[in-house]
Amino acid sequence: MASEATGVAGLAERYARALFDLADEGRSLDQVAADLRSVAAMLTASADLRRAIRSPVIDRDAQGKAVAAIGQQAQLTPMTRNFLGLLARNRRLFALPEMIDAFLKYLAARRGEITAQVISAAPLSEAQSAALADALRKSAGAKLAIDQRIDPSLLGGLVVRLGSRMIDASLKSKLNRLQLAMKGVR
């Protein structure tokens, strides 16, 4: 018997599944996915927004007004705006990043895609993104969706996760390995 997921992961899965089913019914999976990617980018870029959705001090009305303003400003679809409003009313905004990830995983599974997570120190150019996507498609041998994220702490290079494989070619990890090697050379 399969066990029910618990905690934030289980909560995120349930909400993401409900949104996925509604978007599928309304034939708006692509629009909602684009909205959620946009919201994820906003969360990555703004520490204030991350604090606002996670803070238990901010009441549900204030959170609701904030996500309504963000939805209006970002021109999100009504379905996505309603979803964010529901999360604010139910005090579930803290799990929004996990819900976005779960929704995108459902979409990738529906399309038969494998998702590769690419973390870079700086945004990749169009040419770099295209070359990386081509190399990853050849390696995976399947349709591929790429989730690009920025982490300035990497200093340079990339970290690529494709299924259970991870390739860490970041400057940060190379410096860490060098530091460990230097400790042993006394």
N, C-alpha and C. Protein backbone atom coordinates (compact mmCIF):
# COMPACT_ATOMS: atom_id res chain seq x y z
N MET A 1 0.84 -1.17 0.00
CA MET A 1 0.00 0.00 0.00
C MET A 1 0.89 1.24 0.00
N ALA A 2 0.65 2.17 -0.89
CA ALA A 2 1.45 3.39 -1.00
C ALA A 2 1.11 4.33 0.15
N SER A 3 2.16 4.92 0.70
CA SER A 3 1.91 5.85 1.80
C SER A 3 1.66 7.25 1.25
N GLU A 4 0.82 7.96 1.92
CA GLU A 4 0.48 9.33 1.53
C GLU A 4 1.64 10.24 1.90
N ALA A 5 2.01 11.15 1.01
CA ALA A 5 3.07 12.10 1.31
C ALA A 5 2.62 13.03 2.42
N THR A 6 3.55 13.41 3.27
CA THR A 6 3.20 14.26 4.40
C THR A 6 4.02 15.53 4.38
N GLY A 7 3.66 16.46 5.26
CA GLY A 7 4.42 17.70 5.39
C GLY A 7 4.24 18.61 4.21
N VAL A 8 5.25 19.48 4.02
CA VAL A 8 5.20 20.47 2.96
C VAL A 8 5.16 19.80 1.59
N ALA A 9 5.91 18.72 1.43
CA ALA A 9 5.95 18.02 0.14
C ALA A 9 4.57 17.48 -0.23
N GLY A 10 3.89 16.88 0.73
CA GLY A 10 2.55 16.34 0.47
C GLY A 10 1.55 17.44 0.18
N LEU A 11 1.64 18.52 0.94
CA LEU A 11 0.77 19.67 0.72
C LEU A 11 1.00 20.24 -0.68
N ALA A 12 2.27 20.43 -1.03
CA ALA A 12 2.61 20.99 -2.34
C ALA A 12 2.11 20.08 -3.46
N GLU A 13 2.27 18.79 -3.30
CA GLU A 13 1.81 17.84 -4.32
C GLU A 13 0.31 17.93 -4.52
N ARG A 14 -0.44 18.01 -3.43
CA ARG A 14 -1.91 18.07 -3.54
C ARG A 14 -2.37 19.34 -4.24
N TYR A 15 -1.83 20.47 -3.84
CA TYR A 15 -2.23 21.74 -4.46
C TYR A 15 -1.78 21.78 -5.94
N ALA A 16 -0.56 21.32 -6.20
CA ALA A 16 -0.07 21.31 -7.58
C ALA A 16 -0.92 20.41 -8.45
N ARG A 17 -1.31 19.26 -7.92
CA ARG A 17 -2.14 18.33 -8.68
C ARG A 17 -3.50 18.95 -8.99
N ALA A 18 -4.07 19.63 -8.00
CA ALA A 18 -5.37 20.28 -8.22
C ALA A 18 -5.26 21.37 -9.29
N LEU A 19 -4.21 22.18 -9.22
CA LEU A 19 -4.02 23.22 -10.23
C LEU A 19 -3.77 22.60 -11.60
N PHE A 20 -2.99 21.53 -11.64
CA PHE A 20 -2.71 20.86 -12.90
C PHE A 20 -4.00 20.34 -13.53
N ASP A 21 -4.83 19.71 -12.72
CA ASP A 21 -6.09 19.16 -13.23
C ASP A 21 -7.02 20.28 -13.74
N LEU A 22 -7.09 21.40 -13.01
CA LEU A 22 -7.91 22.53 -13.45
C LEU A 22 -7.37 23.14 -14.75
N ALA A 23 -6.06 23.30 -14.83
CA ALA A 23 -5.46 23.87 -16.04
C ALA A 23 -5.63 22.93 -17.22
N ASP A 24 -5.56 21.63 -16.96
CA ASP A 24 -5.76 20.64 -18.02
C ASP A 24 -7.19 20.69 -18.53
N GLU A 25 -8.12 20.77 -17.59
CA GLU A 25 -9.54 20.87 -17.94
C GLU A 25 -9.81 22.12 -18.77
N GLY A 26 -9.18 23.22 -18.38
CA GLY A 26 -9.37 24.49 -19.07
C GLY A 26 -8.46 24.67 -20.28
N ARG A 27 -7.71 23.63 -20.62
CA ARG A 27 -6.77 23.66 -21.74
C ARG A 27 -5.82 24.86 -21.66
N SER A 28 -5.30 25.08 -20.47
CA SER A 28 -4.39 26.21 -20.28
C SER A 28 -3.11 25.80 -19.56
N LEU A 29 -2.68 24.57 -19.77
CA LEU A 29 -1.47 24.09 -19.11
C LEU A 29 -0.25 24.95 -19.44
N ASP A 30 -0.08 25.28 -20.71
CA ASP A 30 1.09 26.06 -21.11
C ASP A 30 1.08 27.46 -20.50
N GLN A 31 -0.09 28.11 -20.47
CA GLN A 31 -0.17 29.45 -19.91
C GLN A 31 0.10 29.44 -18.41
N VAL A 32 -0.47 28.47 -17.70
CA VAL A 32 -0.26 28.38 -16.26
C VAL A 32 1.20 28.04 -15.97
N ALA A 33 1.78 27.15 -16.76
CA ALA A 33 3.20 26.81 -16.57
C ALA A 33 4.07 28.03 -16.78
N ALA A 34 3.78 28.83 -17.79
CA ALA A 34 4.55 30.06 -18.04
C ALA A 34 4.39 31.03 -16.87
N ASP A 35 3.16 31.14 -16.35
CA ASP A 35 2.92 32.00 -15.19
C ASP A 35 3.73 31.53 -13.99
N LEU A 36 3.71 30.23 -13.74
CA LEU A 36 4.42 29.70 -12.58
C LEU A 36 5.93 29.86 -12.73
N ARG A 37 6.43 29.71 -13.94
CA ARG A 37 7.86 29.96 -14.16
C ARG A 37 8.19 31.43 -13.88
N SER A 38 7.31 32.30 -14.27
CA SER A 38 7.50 33.73 -14.02
C SER A 38 7.49 34.02 -12.52
N VAL A 39 6.57 33.42 -11.80
CA VAL A 39 6.50 33.60 -10.34
C VAL A 39 7.76 33.04 -9.69
N ALA A 40 8.22 31.88 -10.17
CA ALA A 40 9.44 31.28 -9.62
C ALA A 40 10.64 32.21 -9.84
N ALA A 41 10.71 32.83 -11.00
CA ALA A 41 11.79 33.78 -11.28
C ALA A 41 11.70 34.98 -10.34
N MET A 42 10.48 35.46 -10.07
CA MET A 42 10.30 36.58 -9.14
C MET A 42 10.76 36.19 -7.74
N LEU A 43 10.42 34.97 -7.32
CA LEU A 43 10.82 34.50 -6.00
C LEU A 43 12.34 34.39 -5.90
N THR A 44 12.97 33.94 -6.96
CA THR A 44 14.42 33.82 -6.97
C THR A 44 15.08 35.20 -6.90
N ALA A 45 14.49 36.15 -7.58
CA ALA A 45 15.09 37.49 -7.68
C ALA A 45 14.84 38.37 -6.45
N SER A 46 13.80 38.10 -5.70
CA SER A 46 13.42 39.02 -4.63
C SER A 46 13.39 38.36 -3.25
N ALA A 47 14.34 38.75 -2.42
CA ALA A 47 14.37 38.25 -1.04
C ALA A 47 13.15 38.75 -0.28
N ASP A 48 12.69 39.97 -0.59
CA ASP A 48 11.51 40.52 0.08
C ASP A 48 10.26 39.69 -0.22
N LEU A 49 10.12 39.27 -1.47
CA LEU A 49 8.97 38.45 -1.84
C LEU A 49 9.04 37.08 -1.14
N ARG A 50 10.23 36.50 -1.09
CA ARG A 50 10.38 35.22 -0.38
C ARG A 50 9.99 35.37 1.09
N ARG A 51 10.44 36.46 1.71
CA ARG A 51 10.07 36.71 3.11
C ARG A 51 8.57 36.91 3.26
N ALA A 52 7.97 37.62 2.32
CA ALA A 52 6.54 37.91 2.40
C ALA A 52 5.69 36.64 2.33
N ILE A 53 6.09 35.67 1.51
CA ILE A 53 5.27 34.46 1.41
C ILE A 53 5.55 33.48 2.55
N ARG A 54 6.69 33.60 3.18
CA ARG A 54 7.04 32.67 4.25
C ARG A 54 6.75 33.19 5.66
N SER A 55 6.59 34.49 5.81
CA SER A 55 6.45 35.08 7.13
C SER A 55 5.09 34.79 7.76
N PRO A 56 5.09 34.21 8.96
CA PRO A 56 3.82 33.99 9.66
C PRO A 56 3.27 35.28 10.27
N VAL A 57 4.09 36.33 10.30
CA VAL A 57 3.69 37.60 10.89
C VAL A 57 2.75 38.36 9.96
N ILE A 58 2.95 38.20 8.66
CA ILE A 58 2.12 38.90 7.68
C ILE A 58 0.79 38.17 7.59
N ASP A 59 -0.30 38.89 7.81
CA ASP A 59 -1.61 38.23 7.83
C ASP A 59 -2.09 37.89 6.41
N ARG A 60 -3.10 37.06 6.38
CA ARG A 60 -3.59 36.54 5.09
C ARG A 60 -4.12 37.64 4.17
N ASP A 61 -4.70 38.69 4.73
CA ASP A 61 -5.20 39.78 3.89
C ASP A 61 -4.05 40.50 3.20
N ALA A 62 -3.00 40.78 3.96
CA ALA A 62 -1.84 41.46 3.38
C ALA A 62 -1.17 40.58 2.32
N GLN A 63 -1.05 39.30 2.61
CA GLN A 63 -0.48 38.39 1.61
C GLN A 63 -1.36 38.33 0.37
N GLY A 64 -2.66 38.29 0.58
CA GLY A 64 -3.60 38.26 -0.54
C GLY A 64 -3.48 39.50 -1.41
N LYS A 65 -3.37 40.66 -0.77
CA LYS A 65 -3.21 41.90 -1.54
C LYS A 65 -1.89 41.92 -2.29
N ALA A 66 -0.85 41.41 -1.65
CA ALA A 66 0.48 41.38 -2.29
C ALA A 66 0.47 40.48 -3.52
N VAL A 67 -0.08 39.27 -3.40
CA VAL A 67 -0.08 38.37 -4.57
C VAL A 67 -1.04 38.85 -5.64
N ALA A 68 -2.10 39.54 -5.24
CA ALA A 68 -3.01 40.12 -6.25
C ALA A 68 -2.29 41.20 -7.04
N ALA A 69 -1.52 42.05 -6.34
CA ALA A 69 -0.78 43.10 -7.03
C ALA A 69 0.29 42.50 -7.94
N ILE A 70 0.96 41.47 -7.46
CA ILE A 70 1.98 40.81 -8.28
C ILE A 70 1.34 40.16 -9.51
N GLY A 71 0.21 39.50 -9.30
CA GLY A 71 -0.50 38.87 -10.42
C GLY A 71 -0.94 39.87 -11.46
N GLN A 72 -1.42 41.02 -11.00
CA GLN A 72 -1.85 42.09 -11.91
C GLN A 72 -0.66 42.66 -12.66
N GLN A 73 0.40 42.98 -11.93
CA GLN A 73 1.59 43.58 -12.53
C GLN A 73 2.26 42.64 -13.53
N ALA A 74 2.33 41.35 -13.19
CA ALA A 74 2.98 40.37 -14.06
C ALA A 74 2.05 39.86 -15.16
N GLN A 75 0.80 40.33 -15.16
CA GLN A 75 -0.20 39.92 -16.15
C GLN A 75 -0.38 38.40 -16.18
N LEU A 76 -0.54 37.83 -15.00
CA LEU A 76 -0.77 36.39 -14.88
C LEU A 76 -2.20 36.08 -15.31
N THR A 77 -2.43 34.86 -15.75
CA THR A 77 -3.76 34.44 -16.16
C THR A 77 -4.69 34.43 -14.93
N PRO A 78 -5.99 34.59 -15.16
CA PRO A 78 -6.92 34.56 -14.02
C PRO A 78 -6.82 33.28 -13.20
N MET A 79 -6.59 32.16 -13.85
CA MET A 79 -6.48 30.90 -13.10
C MET A 79 -5.30 30.95 -12.13
N THR A 80 -4.17 31.45 -12.57
CA THR A 80 -3.00 31.54 -11.71
C THR A 80 -3.22 32.55 -10.60
N ARG A 81 -3.83 33.68 -10.94
CA ARG A 81 -4.13 34.68 -9.90
C ARG A 81 -5.07 34.12 -8.85
N ASN A 82 -6.10 33.40 -9.29
CA ASN A 82 -7.03 32.79 -8.34
C ASN A 82 -6.32 31.77 -7.46
N PHE A 83 -5.42 31.01 -8.06
CA PHE A 83 -4.66 30.01 -7.31
C PHE A 83 -3.82 30.69 -6.23
N LEU A 84 -3.12 31.76 -6.59
CA LEU A 84 -2.29 32.48 -5.61
C LEU A 84 -3.16 33.08 -4.51
N GLY A 85 -4.33 33.60 -4.89
CA GLY A 85 -5.25 34.13 -3.89
C GLY A 85 -5.74 33.06 -2.93
N LEU A 86 -6.03 31.88 -3.46
CA LEU A 86 -6.44 30.76 -2.63
C LEU A 86 -5.34 30.38 -1.64
N LEU A 87 -4.11 30.34 -2.13
CA LEU A 87 -2.99 30.01 -1.25
C LEU A 87 -2.87 31.05 -0.13
N ALA A 88 -3.06 32.32 -0.45
CA ALA A 88 -2.98 33.37 0.57
C ALA A 88 -4.10 33.21 1.59
N ARG A 89 -5.33 32.97 1.11
CA ARG A 89 -6.47 32.81 2.03
C ARG A 89 -6.28 31.61 2.94
N ASN A 90 -5.69 30.54 2.41
CA ASN A 90 -5.51 29.31 3.20
C ASN A 90 -4.18 29.27 3.95
N ARG A 91 -3.41 30.38 3.88
CA ARG A 91 -2.10 30.46 4.55
C ARG A 91 -1.16 29.35 4.07
N ARG A 92 -1.11 29.16 2.76
CA ARG A 92 -0.28 28.11 2.16
C ARG A 92 0.79 28.66 1.22
N LEU A 93 0.98 29.98 1.21
CA LEU A 93 1.97 30.57 0.30
C LEU A 93 3.39 30.09 0.60
N PHE A 94 3.66 29.70 1.84
CA PHE A 94 4.99 29.24 2.20
C PHE A 94 5.44 28.04 1.36
N ALA A 95 4.51 27.28 0.84
CA ALA A 95 4.83 26.09 0.04
C ALA A 95 4.80 26.35 -1.46
N LEU A 96 4.67 27.61 -1.87
CA LEU A 96 4.55 27.94 -3.29
C LEU A 96 5.73 27.43 -4.13
N PRO A 97 6.98 27.60 -3.72
CA PRO A 97 8.07 27.09 -4.56
C PRO A 97 7.98 25.58 -4.81
N GLU A 98 7.61 24.84 -3.80
CA GLU A 98 7.46 23.38 -3.95
C GLU A 98 6.27 23.05 -4.86
N MET A 99 5.21 23.85 -4.77
CA MET A 99 4.04 23.64 -5.64
C MET A 99 4.39 23.89 -7.10
N ILE A 100 5.18 24.92 -7.34
CA ILE A 100 5.61 25.22 -8.71
C ILE A 100 6.43 24.07 -9.26
N ASP A 101 7.38 23.59 -8.46
CA ASP A 101 8.20 22.45 -8.91
C ASP A 101 7.35 21.24 -9.21
N ALA A 102 6.39 20.94 -8.33
CA ALA A 102 5.53 19.77 -8.53
C ALA A 102 4.68 19.93 -9.79
N PHE A 103 4.11 21.12 -10.00
CA PHE A 103 3.30 21.36 -11.20
C PHE A 103 4.14 21.11 -12.46
N LEU A 104 5.34 21.66 -12.48
CA LEU A 104 6.20 21.51 -13.66
C LEU A 104 6.63 20.07 -13.87
N LYS A 105 6.78 19.32 -12.79
CA LYS A 105 7.09 17.88 -12.91
C LYS A 105 5.91 17.12 -13.51
N TYR A 106 4.70 17.46 -13.08
CA TYR A 106 3.51 16.83 -13.66
C TYR A 106 3.42 17.13 -15.16
N LEU A 107 3.69 18.37 -15.53
CA LEU A 107 3.63 18.77 -16.93
C LEU A 107 4.69 18.02 -17.74
N ALA A 108 5.89 17.92 -17.21
CA ALA A 108 6.97 17.21 -17.91
C ALA A 108 6.62 15.73 -18.07
N ALA A 109 6.06 15.14 -17.03
CA ALA A 109 5.67 13.73 -17.11
C ALA A 109 4.58 13.52 -18.16
N ARG A 110 3.63 14.43 -18.22
CA ARG A 110 2.55 14.36 -19.20
C ARG A 110 3.12 14.39 -20.62
N ARG A 111 4.13 15.21 -20.82
CA ARG A 111 4.73 15.37 -22.15
C ARG A 111 5.82 14.36 -22.45
N GLY A 112 6.14 13.51 -21.48
CA GLY A 112 7.20 12.54 -21.69
C GLY A 112 8.58 13.17 -21.69
N GLU A 113 8.71 14.28 -20.98
CA GLU A 113 9.97 15.00 -20.92
C GLU A 113 10.74 14.64 -19.66
N ILE A 114 12.05 14.75 -19.78
CA ILE A 114 12.91 14.66 -18.62
C ILE A 114 13.33 16.09 -18.31
N THR A 115 13.35 16.45 -17.03
CA THR A 115 13.72 17.81 -16.66
C THR A 115 15.17 17.83 -16.20
N ALA A 116 15.93 18.70 -16.80
CA ALA A 116 17.31 18.92 -16.39
C ALA A 116 17.37 20.25 -15.66
N GLN A 117 17.94 20.23 -14.48
CA GLN A 117 18.09 21.47 -13.73
C GLN A 117 19.50 21.98 -13.96
N VAL A 118 19.59 23.21 -14.45
CA VAL A 118 20.88 23.84 -14.75
C VAL A 118 21.01 25.06 -13.86
N ILE A 119 22.03 25.05 -13.02
CA ILE A 119 22.29 26.18 -12.14
C ILE A 119 23.60 26.82 -12.59
N SER A 120 23.55 28.11 -12.87
CA SER A 120 24.75 28.83 -13.31
C SER A 120 24.97 30.05 -12.44
N ALA A 121 26.20 30.55 -12.48
CA ALA A 121 26.54 31.72 -11.68
C ALA A 121 25.93 32.98 -12.26
N ALA A 122 25.77 33.01 -13.58
CA ALA A 122 25.20 34.17 -14.28
C ALA A 122 24.26 33.64 -15.35
N PRO A 123 23.34 34.48 -15.83
CA PRO A 123 22.43 34.03 -16.88
C PRO A 123 23.19 33.58 -18.12
N LEU A 124 22.72 32.49 -18.73
CA LEU A 124 23.35 31.98 -19.94
C LEU A 124 22.83 32.74 -21.15
N SER A 125 23.70 32.93 -22.14
CA SER A 125 23.26 33.58 -23.38
C SER A 125 22.39 32.60 -24.16
N GLU A 126 21.72 33.09 -25.17
CA GLU A 126 20.88 32.23 -26.01
C GLU A 126 21.72 31.13 -26.65
N ALA A 127 22.91 31.48 -27.14
CA ALA A 127 23.78 30.49 -27.79
C ALA A 127 24.24 29.43 -26.79
N GLN A 128 24.61 29.86 -25.59
CA GLN A 128 25.03 28.91 -24.56
C GLN A 128 23.88 27.99 -24.16
N SER A 129 22.70 28.56 -23.99
CA SER A 129 21.53 27.76 -23.62
C SER A 129 21.21 26.73 -24.70
N ALA A 130 21.27 27.16 -25.96
CA ALA A 130 20.98 26.25 -27.07
C ALA A 130 22.00 25.12 -27.15
N ALA A 131 23.27 25.45 -26.99
CA ALA A 131 24.32 24.42 -27.04
C ALA A 131 24.19 23.44 -25.89
N LEU A 132 23.90 23.97 -24.70
CA LEU A 132 23.72 23.11 -23.53
C LEU A 132 22.50 22.21 -23.71
N ALA A 133 21.40 22.77 -24.18
CA ALA A 133 20.18 21.98 -24.40
C ALA A 133 20.43 20.87 -25.42
N ASP A 134 21.15 21.18 -26.48
CA ASP A 134 21.45 20.18 -27.50
C ASP A 134 22.30 19.05 -26.92
N ALA A 135 23.32 19.40 -26.15
CA ALA A 135 24.18 18.38 -25.53
C ALA A 135 23.40 17.52 -24.54
N LEU A 136 22.53 18.15 -23.76
CA LEU A 136 21.76 17.39 -22.78
C LEU A 136 20.73 16.47 -23.46
N ARG A 137 20.13 16.94 -24.57
CA ARG A 137 19.18 16.10 -25.31
C ARG A 137 19.88 14.85 -25.84
N LYS A 138 21.07 15.04 -26.38
CA LYS A 138 21.84 13.90 -26.90
C LYS A 138 22.18 12.93 -25.78
N SER A 139 22.54 13.47 -24.64
CA SER A 139 22.91 12.63 -23.50
C SER A 139 21.70 11.87 -22.94
N ALA A 140 20.56 12.56 -22.85
CA ALA A 140 19.37 11.95 -22.26
C ALA A 140 18.66 11.01 -23.23
N GLY A 141 18.74 11.33 -24.52
CA GLY A 141 18.06 10.50 -25.50
C GLY A 141 16.54 10.59 -25.41
N ALA A 142 16.04 11.70 -24.89
CA ALA A 142 14.59 11.88 -24.74
C ALA A 142 14.27 13.36 -24.86
N LYS A 143 12.96 13.65 -24.88
CA LYS A 143 12.56 15.06 -24.85
C LYS A 143 13.03 15.64 -23.53
N LEU A 144 13.44 16.88 -23.59
CA LEU A 144 14.07 17.47 -22.42
C LEU A 144 13.50 18.85 -22.14
N ALA A 145 13.20 19.10 -20.89
CA ALA A 145 12.82 20.43 -20.42
C ALA A 145 13.96 20.91 -19.53
N ILE A 146 14.36 22.15 -19.71
CA ILE A 146 15.48 22.67 -18.93
C ILE A 146 14.97 23.73 -17.96
N ASP A 147 15.30 23.53 -16.70
CA ASP A 147 14.96 24.46 -15.63
C ASP A 147 16.24 25.20 -15.28
N GLN A 148 16.36 26.45 -15.74
CA GLN A 148 17.57 27.22 -15.51
C GLN A 148 17.39 28.10 -14.28
N ARG A 149 18.41 28.07 -13.42
CA ARG A 149 18.40 28.89 -12.22
C ARG A 149 19.75 29.59 -12.09
N ILE A 150 19.76 30.66 -11.36
CA ILE A 150 20.97 31.45 -11.15
C ILE A 150 21.36 31.36 -9.68
N ASP A 151 22.63 31.08 -9.42
CA ASP A 151 23.18 31.07 -8.07
C ASP A 151 24.54 31.73 -8.11
N PRO A 152 24.60 33.03 -7.78
CA PRO A 152 25.87 33.76 -7.86
C PRO A 152 26.97 33.17 -6.97
N SER A 153 26.60 32.41 -5.95
CA SER A 153 27.61 31.83 -5.06
C SER A 153 28.48 30.78 -5.77
N LEU A 154 28.06 30.31 -6.95
CA LEU A 154 28.87 29.34 -7.70
C LEU A 154 30.15 29.98 -8.26
N LEU A 155 30.17 31.30 -8.38
CA LEU A 155 31.30 32.09 -8.89
C LEU A 155 31.50 31.94 -10.39
N GLY A 156 31.28 30.78 -10.93
CA GLY A 156 31.44 30.53 -12.36
C GLY A 156 31.11 29.07 -12.64
N GLY A 157 30.92 28.72 -13.90
CA GLY A 157 30.63 27.34 -14.26
C GLY A 157 29.17 26.98 -14.09
N LEU A 158 28.91 25.67 -14.09
CA LEU A 158 27.54 25.15 -14.04
C LEU A 158 27.43 23.96 -13.10
N VAL A 159 26.22 23.76 -12.63
CA VAL A 159 25.83 22.51 -11.97
C VAL A 159 24.63 22.01 -12.75
N VAL A 160 24.72 20.79 -13.27
CA VAL A 160 23.64 20.22 -14.07
C VAL A 160 23.14 18.95 -13.39
N ARG A 161 21.83 18.88 -13.17
CA ARG A 161 21.21 17.67 -12.63
C ARG A 161 20.26 17.13 -13.67
N LEU A 162 20.50 15.89 -14.06
CA LEU A 162 19.67 15.23 -15.06
C LEU A 162 19.31 13.87 -14.49
N GLY A 163 18.09 13.76 -13.99
CA GLY A 163 17.68 12.53 -13.33
C GLY A 163 18.50 12.34 -12.07
N SER A 164 19.14 11.19 -11.95
CA SER A 164 19.94 10.91 -10.76
C SER A 164 21.40 11.34 -10.94
N ARG A 165 21.73 11.83 -12.12
CA ARG A 165 23.11 12.26 -12.38
C ARG A 165 23.28 13.74 -12.08
N MET A 166 24.45 14.07 -11.54
CA MET A 166 24.77 15.47 -11.29
C MET A 166 26.19 15.73 -11.76
N ILE A 167 26.34 16.80 -12.52
CA ILE A 167 27.66 17.22 -12.99
C ILE A 167 27.91 18.59 -12.39
N ASP A 168 28.93 18.67 -11.54
CA ASP A 168 29.24 19.93 -10.87
C ASP A 168 30.55 20.46 -11.46
N ALA A 169 30.42 21.41 -12.37
CA ALA A 169 31.59 22.04 -12.99
C ALA A 169 31.67 23.49 -12.56
N SER A 170 31.29 23.75 -11.31
CA SER A 170 31.30 25.13 -10.81
C SER A 170 32.66 25.47 -10.23
N LEU A 171 32.99 26.72 -10.30
CA LEU A 171 34.23 27.22 -9.74
C LEU A 171 34.24 27.05 -8.23
N LYS A 172 33.09 27.22 -7.61
CA LYS A 172 32.97 27.08 -6.16
C LYS A 172 33.39 25.68 -5.71
N SER A 173 32.91 24.65 -6.38
CA SER A 173 33.26 23.28 -5.97
C SER A 173 34.72 22.98 -6.27
N LYS A 174 35.24 23.52 -7.37
CA LYS A 174 36.66 23.31 -7.68
C LYS A 174 37.54 23.97 -6.63
N LEU A 175 37.17 25.16 -6.19
CA LEU A 175 37.93 25.82 -5.13
C LEU A 175 37.83 25.05 -3.81
N ASN A 176 36.65 24.51 -3.52
CA ASN A 176 36.49 23.70 -2.31
C ASN A 176 37.36 22.46 -2.35
N ARG A 177 37.41 21.79 -3.52
CA ARG A 177 38.26 20.60 -3.65
C ARG A 177 39.73 20.97 -3.50
N LEU A 178 40.13 22.10 -4.07
CA LEU A 178 41.51 22.57 -3.95
C LEU A 178 41.84 22.89 -2.50
N GLN A 179 40.92 23.51 -1.80
CA GLN A 179 41.13 23.85 -0.40
C GLN A 179 41.31 22.58 0.43
N LEU A 180 40.49 21.55 0.16
CA LEU A 180 40.63 20.28 0.87
C LEU A 180 41.97 19.63 0.56
N ALA A 181 42.39 19.68 -0.68
CA ALA A 181 43.68 19.10 -1.07
C ALA A 181 44.83 19.83 -0.39
N MET A 182 44.71 21.15 -0.28
CA MET A 182 45.76 21.95 0.35
C MET A 182 45.87 21.67 1.85
N LYS A 183 44.77 21.33 2.49
CA LYS A 183 44.79 21.02 3.92
C LYS A 183 45.62 19.77 4.18
N GLY A 184 45.61 18.84 3.24
CA GLY A 184 46.34 17.59 3.42
C GLY A 184 47.80 17.68 3.06
N VAL A 185 48.29 18.83 2.57
CA VAL A 185 49.67 18.98 2.09
C VAL A 185 50.56 19.65 3.11
N ARG A 186 50.29 19.72 4.30
CA ARG A 186 51.10 20.47 5.27
C ARG A 186 52.41 19.87 5.50
